[in-house]
Amino acid sequence: RKDDTMWVDDLYMSTPFLTRYWKLTGDERCLDDAAQQFLLFKKRSFMEKENLMSHIFDTKFNKANRIPWSRGNGWVLFSLSELLNELPENHEKREALVEFFNQMVAGILNYQDQDGLWHQVIDDETTYPESSCTAMFICAMSRGIRNGYLSDNQKEEAIAAVKHAWQGLITYCLDKD
């Protein structure tokens, strides 16, 4: 970037590439960098009380904007599931990343609306229901359920949320065309 900001979108653009490049080349530095990027972004953008990511962190003022944009949170959770799908069980950062995954899922589960969707700004129901974040949450949580990233106490709630989200997505966001 040519400004003083970090956007959580950047994790979606960088870490899946690094993970795939590691898989292609075997260069461990790529995998280590992908893991480290999640933890560094978490350090600056994670809103602990909400268990969500702030969309933008301003490095000039050393401050996050504290707006949990749903699509940005979807990109983070989806990309984190991409990394966890490939990260070796014995990787030194795996435990911290699985914990981060669980924290984010806990936050996301708090804001699903009655139709099964999440809103453009995840904690603001006055914003519109958003299909792409809902789809990314479905995908990432499904991976967490299937691959064992989710803690046992979150698994049942996540299963119910995924089913509800899928129903909301096909009912309110898709049409016959």
C-alpha atoms as a PDB file:
ATOM      1  CA  ARG A   1       0.000   0.000   0.000  1.00  0.00           C
ATOM      2  CA  LYS A   2       1.065   3.567  -0.577  1.00  0.00           C
ATOM      3  CA  ASP A   3      -0.664   4.837   2.532  1.00  0.00           C
ATOM      4  CA  ASP A   4      -0.450   4.164   6.249  1.00  0.00           C
ATOM      5  CA  THR A   5      -3.122   1.476   6.481  1.00  0.00           C
ATOM      6  CA  MET A   6      -3.399  -2.279   6.811  1.00  0.00           C
ATOM      7  CA  TRP A   7      -6.652  -3.881   5.689  1.00  0.00           C
ATOM      8  CA  VAL A   8      -7.761  -7.349   6.762  1.00  0.00           C
ATOM      9  CA  ASP A   9      -8.510  -8.002   3.083  1.00  0.00           C
ATOM     10  CA  ASP A  10      -4.736  -8.299   2.667  1.00  0.00           C
ATOM     11  CA  LEU A  11      -4.774 -11.658   4.461  1.00  0.00           C
ATOM     12  CA  TYR A  12      -7.052 -13.041   1.767  1.00  0.00           C
ATOM     13  CA  MET A  13      -4.727 -11.773  -0.943  1.00  0.00           C
ATOM     14  CA  SER A  14      -1.437 -12.888   0.567  1.00  0.00           C
ATOM     15  CA  THR A  15      -1.735 -15.946   2.768  1.00  0.00           C
ATOM     16  CA  PRO A  16      -3.496 -18.367   0.383  1.00  0.00           C
ATOM     17  CA  PHE A  17      -0.825 -17.500  -2.202  1.00  0.00           C
ATOM     18  CA  LEU A  18       1.976 -18.094   0.302  1.00  0.00           C
ATOM     19  CA  THR A  19       0.408 -21.374   1.378  1.00  0.00           C
ATOM     20  CA  ARG A  20       0.090 -22.602  -2.196  1.00  0.00           C
ATOM     21  CA  TYR A  21       3.606 -21.417  -3.042  1.00  0.00           C
ATOM     22  CA  TRP A  22       4.951 -23.367  -0.056  1.00  0.00           C
ATOM     23  CA  LYS A  23       3.095 -26.445  -1.295  1.00  0.00           C
ATOM     24  CA  LEU A  24       4.565 -25.975  -4.776  1.00  0.00           C
ATOM     25  CA  THR A  25       8.156 -25.228  -3.751  1.00  0.00           C
ATOM     26  CA  GLY A  26       8.533 -26.720  -0.279  1.00  0.00           C
ATOM     27  CA  ASP A  27      10.013 -23.424   0.918  1.00  0.00           C
ATOM     28  CA  GLU A  28       9.082 -23.396   4.627  1.00  0.00           C
ATOM     29  CA  ARG A  29       9.602 -19.628   4.823  1.00  0.00           C
ATOM     30  CA  CYS A  30       6.390 -19.123   2.823  1.00  0.00           C
ATOM     31  CA  LEU A  31       4.334 -21.193   5.234  1.00  0.00           C
ATOM     32  CA  ASP A  32       5.953 -19.550   8.248  1.00  0.00           C
ATOM     33  CA  ASP A  33       5.259 -16.106   6.769  1.00  0.00           C
ATOM     34  CA  ALA A  34       1.602 -16.961   6.125  1.00  0.00           C
ATOM     35  CA  ALA A  35       1.177 -18.123   9.730  1.00  0.00           C
ATOM     36  CA  GLN A  36       3.011 -15.102  11.099  1.00  0.00           C
ATOM     37  CA  GLN A  37       0.919 -12.674   9.059  1.00  0.00           C
ATOM     38  CA  PHE A  38      -2.274 -13.923  10.714  1.00  0.00           C
ATOM     39  CA  LEU A  39      -0.792 -13.468  14.164  1.00  0.00           C
ATOM     40  CA  LEU A  40       0.563  -9.994  13.383  1.00  0.00           C
ATOM     41  CA  PHE A  41      -2.740  -8.855  11.884  1.00  0.00           C
ATOM     42  CA  LYS A  42      -4.505 -10.267  14.942  1.00  0.00           C
ATOM     43  CA  LYS A  43      -2.215  -8.236  17.193  1.00  0.00           C
ATOM     44  CA  ARG A  44      -3.259  -4.998  15.492  1.00  0.00           C
ATOM     45  CA  SER A  45      -6.813  -5.595  14.276  1.00  0.00           C
ATOM     46  CA  PHE A  46      -8.474  -8.120  16.565  1.00  0.00           C
ATOM     47  CA  MET A  47     -11.182  -6.657  18.763  1.00  0.00           C
ATOM     48  CA  GLU A  48     -10.996  -8.943  21.807  1.00  0.00           C
ATOM     49  CA  LYS A  49     -14.347  -8.052  23.356  1.00  0.00           C
ATOM     50  CA  GLU A  50     -16.217  -8.752  20.107  1.00  0.00           C
ATOM     51  CA  ASN A  51     -13.938 -11.572  18.849  1.00  0.00           C
ATOM     52  CA  LEU A  52     -13.941  -9.907  15.436  1.00  0.00           C
ATOM     53  CA  MET A  53     -11.424  -8.168  13.213  1.00  0.00           C
ATOM     54  CA  SER A  54     -11.466  -4.439  12.653  1.00  0.00           C
ATOM     55  CA  HIS A  55     -11.435  -3.712   8.945  1.00  0.00           C
ATOM     56  CA  ILE A  56      -8.571  -1.200   8.855  1.00  0.00           C
ATOM     57  CA  PHE A  57      -5.568  -0.471  11.045  1.00  0.00           C
ATOM     58  CA  ASP A  58      -3.920   2.935  10.647  1.00  0.00           C
ATOM     59  CA  THR A  59      -0.171   2.560  11.214  1.00  0.00           C
ATOM     60  CA  LYS A  60       0.390   6.325  11.311  1.00  0.00           C
ATOM     61  CA  PHE A  61      -1.903   6.730  14.321  1.00  0.00           C
ATOM     62  CA  ASN A  62      -1.401   3.168  15.628  1.00  0.00           C
ATOM     63  CA  LYS A  63      -5.154   2.676  15.777  1.00  0.00           C
ATOM     64  CA  ALA A  64      -7.798   0.371  14.318  1.00  0.00           C
ATOM     65  CA  ASN A  65     -11.019   1.841  12.949  1.00  0.00           C
ATOM     66  CA  ARG A  66     -13.006  -0.750  14.963  1.00  0.00           C
ATOM     67  CA  ILE A  67     -15.496  -1.383  12.156  1.00  0.00           C
ATOM     68  CA  PRO A  68     -15.988  -5.143  11.771  1.00  0.00           C
ATOM     69  CA  TRP A  69     -16.765  -5.295   8.072  1.00  0.00           C
ATOM     70  CA  SER A  70     -18.353  -8.686   7.468  1.00  0.00           C
ATOM     71  CA  ARG A  71     -16.711  -9.422   4.150  1.00  0.00           C
ATOM     72  CA  GLY A  72     -13.311  -8.608   5.660  1.00  0.00           C
ATOM     73  CA  ASN A  73     -13.998 -10.964   8.553  1.00  0.00           C
ATOM     74  CA  GLY A  74     -15.119 -13.563   6.013  1.00  0.00           C
ATOM     75  CA  TRP A  75     -11.854 -13.217   4.128  1.00  0.00           C
ATOM     76  CA  VAL A  76      -9.865 -13.605   7.337  1.00  0.00           C
ATOM     77  CA  LEU A  77     -11.748 -16.690   8.525  1.00  0.00           C
ATOM     78  CA  PHE A  78     -11.819 -18.270   5.056  1.00  0.00           C
ATOM     79  CA  SER A  79      -8.097 -17.644   4.507  1.00  0.00           C
ATOM     80  CA  LEU A  80      -7.286 -18.935   7.965  1.00  0.00           C
ATOM     81  CA  SER A  81      -9.149 -22.148   7.143  1.00  0.00           C
ATOM     82  CA  GLU A  82      -7.137 -22.358   3.894  1.00  0.00           C
ATOM     83  CA  LEU A  83      -3.917 -22.149   5.889  1.00  0.00           C
ATOM     84  CA  LEU A  84      -5.065 -24.604   8.574  1.00  0.00           C
ATOM     85  CA  ASN A  85      -6.015 -27.087   5.840  1.00  0.00           C
ATOM     86  CA  GLU A  86      -2.335 -27.243   4.837  1.00  0.00           C
ATOM     87  CA  LEU A  87      -0.436 -26.358   8.008  1.00  0.00           C
ATOM     88  CA  PRO A  88       1.363 -29.411   9.418  1.00  0.00           C
ATOM     89  CA  GLU A  89       0.061 -30.630  12.791  1.00  0.00           C
ATOM     90  CA  ASN A  90       3.466 -30.012  14.363  1.00  0.00           C
ATOM     91  CA  HIS A  91       3.892 -26.431  13.111  1.00  0.00           C
ATOM     92  CA  GLU A  92       4.909 -24.142  15.973  1.00  0.00           C
ATOM     93  CA  LYS A  93       2.123 -21.622  15.266  1.00  0.00           C
ATOM     94  CA  ARG A  94      -0.691 -24.092  14.628  1.00  0.00           C
ATOM     95  CA  GLU A  95      -2.087 -24.032  18.178  1.00  0.00           C
ATOM     96  CA  ALA A  96      -2.238 -20.218  18.234  1.00  0.00           C
ATOM     97  CA  LEU A  97      -3.925 -20.181  14.802  1.00  0.00           C
ATOM     98  CA  VAL A  98      -6.527 -22.770  15.820  1.00  0.00           C
ATOM     99  CA  GLU A  99      -7.238 -20.677  18.919  1.00  0.00           C
ATOM    100  CA  PHE A 100      -7.634 -17.594  16.707  1.00  0.00           C
ATOM    101  CA  PHE A 101     -10.018 -19.527  14.436  1.00  0.00           C
ATOM    102  CA  ASN A 102     -12.154 -20.477  17.442  1.00  0.00           C
ATOM    103  CA  GLN A 103     -12.178 -16.924  18.766  1.00  0.00           C
ATOM    104  CA  MET A 104     -13.367 -15.575  15.425  1.00  0.00           C
ATOM    105  CA  VAL A 105     -16.063 -18.221  15.079  1.00  0.00           C
ATOM    106  CA  ALA A 106     -17.297 -17.339  18.586  1.00  0.00           C
ATOM    107  CA  GLY A 107     -17.579 -13.697  17.547  1.00  0.00           C
ATOM    108  CA  ILE A 108     -19.244 -14.419  14.240  1.00  0.00           C
ATOM    109  CA  LEU A 109     -21.813 -16.727  15.800  1.00  0.00           C
ATOM    110  CA  ASN A 110     -23.014 -13.852  18.004  1.00  0.00           C
ATOM    111  CA  TYR A 111     -24.251 -11.834  15.039  1.00  0.00           C
ATOM    112  CA  GLN A 112     -26.160 -14.193  12.753  1.00  0.00           C
ATOM    113  CA  ASP A 113     -29.607 -12.721  12.067  1.00  0.00           C
ATOM    114  CA  GLN A 114     -32.955 -14.532  12.274  1.00  0.00           C
ATOM    115  CA  ASP A 115     -32.811 -15.311   8.536  1.00  0.00           C
ATOM    116  CA  GLY A 116     -29.415 -16.998   8.919  1.00  0.00           C
ATOM    117  CA  LEU A 117     -27.399 -14.199   7.316  1.00  0.00           C
ATOM    118  CA  TRP A 118     -24.786 -11.739   8.524  1.00  0.00           C
ATOM    119  CA  HIS A 119     -24.921  -8.009   7.825  1.00  0.00           C
ATOM    120  CA  GLN A 120     -22.470  -5.811   5.922  1.00  0.00           C
ATOM    121  CA  VAL A 121     -21.128  -4.433   9.200  1.00  0.00           C
ATOM    122  CA  ILE A 122     -21.363  -7.538  11.293  1.00  0.00           C
ATOM    123  CA  ASP A 123     -22.481  -5.895  14.545  1.00  0.00           C
ATOM    124  CA  ASP A 124     -24.904  -3.429  12.935  1.00  0.00           C
ATOM    125  CA  GLU A 125     -28.264  -4.939  11.973  1.00  0.00           C
ATOM    126  CA  THR A 126     -29.257  -1.711  10.232  1.00  0.00           C
ATOM    127  CA  THR A 127     -26.777  -2.564   7.447  1.00  0.00           C
ATOM    128  CA  TYR A 128     -27.902  -4.905   4.694  1.00  0.00           C
ATOM    129  CA  PRO A 129     -27.655  -8.706   4.871  1.00  0.00           C
ATOM    130  CA  GLU A 130     -24.554  -9.730   2.938  1.00  0.00           C
ATOM    131  CA  SER A 131     -24.339 -12.892   0.829  1.00  0.00           C
ATOM    132  CA  SER A 132     -20.594 -13.149   0.237  1.00  0.00           C
ATOM    133  CA  CYS A 133     -19.609 -12.991   3.909  1.00  0.00           C
ATOM    134  CA  THR A 134     -22.356 -15.496   4.701  1.00  0.00           C
ATOM    135  CA  ALA A 135     -20.964 -17.863   2.060  1.00  0.00           C
ATOM    136  CA  MET A 136     -17.407 -17.451   3.383  1.00  0.00           C
ATOM    137  CA  PHE A 137     -18.560 -18.090   6.955  1.00  0.00           C
ATOM    138  CA  ILE A 138     -20.389 -21.232   5.780  1.00  0.00           C
ATOM    139  CA  CYS A 139     -17.271 -22.484   4.018  1.00  0.00           C
ATOM    140  CA  ALA A 140     -14.822 -21.687   6.817  1.00  0.00           C
ATOM    141  CA  MET A 141     -16.999 -23.023   9.630  1.00  0.00           C
ATOM    142  CA  SER A 142     -17.735 -26.173   7.607  1.00  0.00           C
ATOM    143  CA  ARG A 143     -13.999 -26.719   7.273  1.00  0.00           C
ATOM    144  CA  GLY A 144     -13.598 -26.117  11.005  1.00  0.00           C
ATOM    145  CA  ILE A 145     -16.275 -28.712  11.751  1.00  0.00           C
ATOM    146  CA  ARG A 146     -15.018 -31.281   9.228  1.00  0.00           C
ATOM    147  CA  ASN A 147     -11.305 -30.894   9.971  1.00  0.00           C
ATOM    148  CA  GLY A 148     -11.491 -30.525  13.731  1.00  0.00           C
ATOM    149  CA  TYR A 149     -10.404 -26.893  14.106  1.00  0.00           C
ATOM    150  CA  LEU A 150     -13.444 -26.028  16.184  1.00  0.00           C
ATOM    151  CA  SER A 151     -13.539 -26.845  19.874  1.00  0.00           C
ATOM    152  CA  ASP A 152     -16.115 -29.403  20.944  1.00  0.00           C
ATOM    153  CA  ASN A 153     -18.176 -26.791  22.777  1.00  0.00           C
ATOM    154  CA  GLN A 154     -18.528 -24.710  19.556  1.00  0.00           C
ATOM    155  CA  LYS A 155     -19.098 -27.527  17.107  1.00  0.00           C
ATOM    156  CA  GLU A 156     -22.850 -28.022  17.611  1.00  0.00           C
ATOM    157  CA  GLU A 157     -23.572 -24.301  17.542  1.00  0.00           C
ATOM    158  CA  ALA A 158     -21.498 -23.953  14.368  1.00  0.00           C
ATOM    159  CA  ILE A 159     -23.324 -26.861  12.703  1.00  0.00           C
ATOM    160  CA  ALA A 160     -26.678 -25.211  13.443  1.00  0.00           C
ATOM    161  CA  ALA A 161     -25.375 -21.826  12.234  1.00  0.00           C
ATOM    162  CA  VAL A 162     -24.055 -23.300   8.966  1.00  0.00           C
ATOM    163  CA  LYS A 163     -27.378 -25.004   8.245  1.00  0.00           C
ATOM    164  CA  HIS A 164     -29.302 -21.828   9.074  1.00  0.00           C
ATOM    165  CA  ALA A 165     -26.920 -19.723   6.952  1.00  0.00           C
ATOM    166  CA  TRP A 166     -27.240 -22.068   3.991  1.00  0.00           C
ATOM    167  CA  GLN A 167     -31.026 -21.883   4.191  1.00  0.00           C
ATOM    168  CA  GLY A 168     -30.844 -18.083   4.411  1.00  0.00           C
ATOM    169  CA  LEU A 169     -28.455 -17.881   1.482  1.00  0.00           C
ATOM    170  CA  ILE A 170     -30.594 -20.013  -0.831  1.00  0.00           C
ATOM    171  CA  THR A 171     -33.836 -18.372   0.323  1.00  0.00           C
ATOM    172  CA  TYR A 172     -32.907 -14.678   0.299  1.00  0.00           C
ATOM    173  CA  CYS A 173     -29.809 -14.333  -1.869  1.00  0.00           C
ATOM    174  CA  LEU A 174     -30.276 -16.652  -4.825  1.00  0.00           C
ATOM    175  CA  ASP A 175     -33.008 -16.737  -7.398  1.00  0.00           C
ATOM    176  CA  LYS A 176     -33.888 -19.034 -10.273  1.00  0.00           C
ATOM    177  CA  ASP A 177     -31.445 -17.177 -12.556  1.00  0.00           C
END
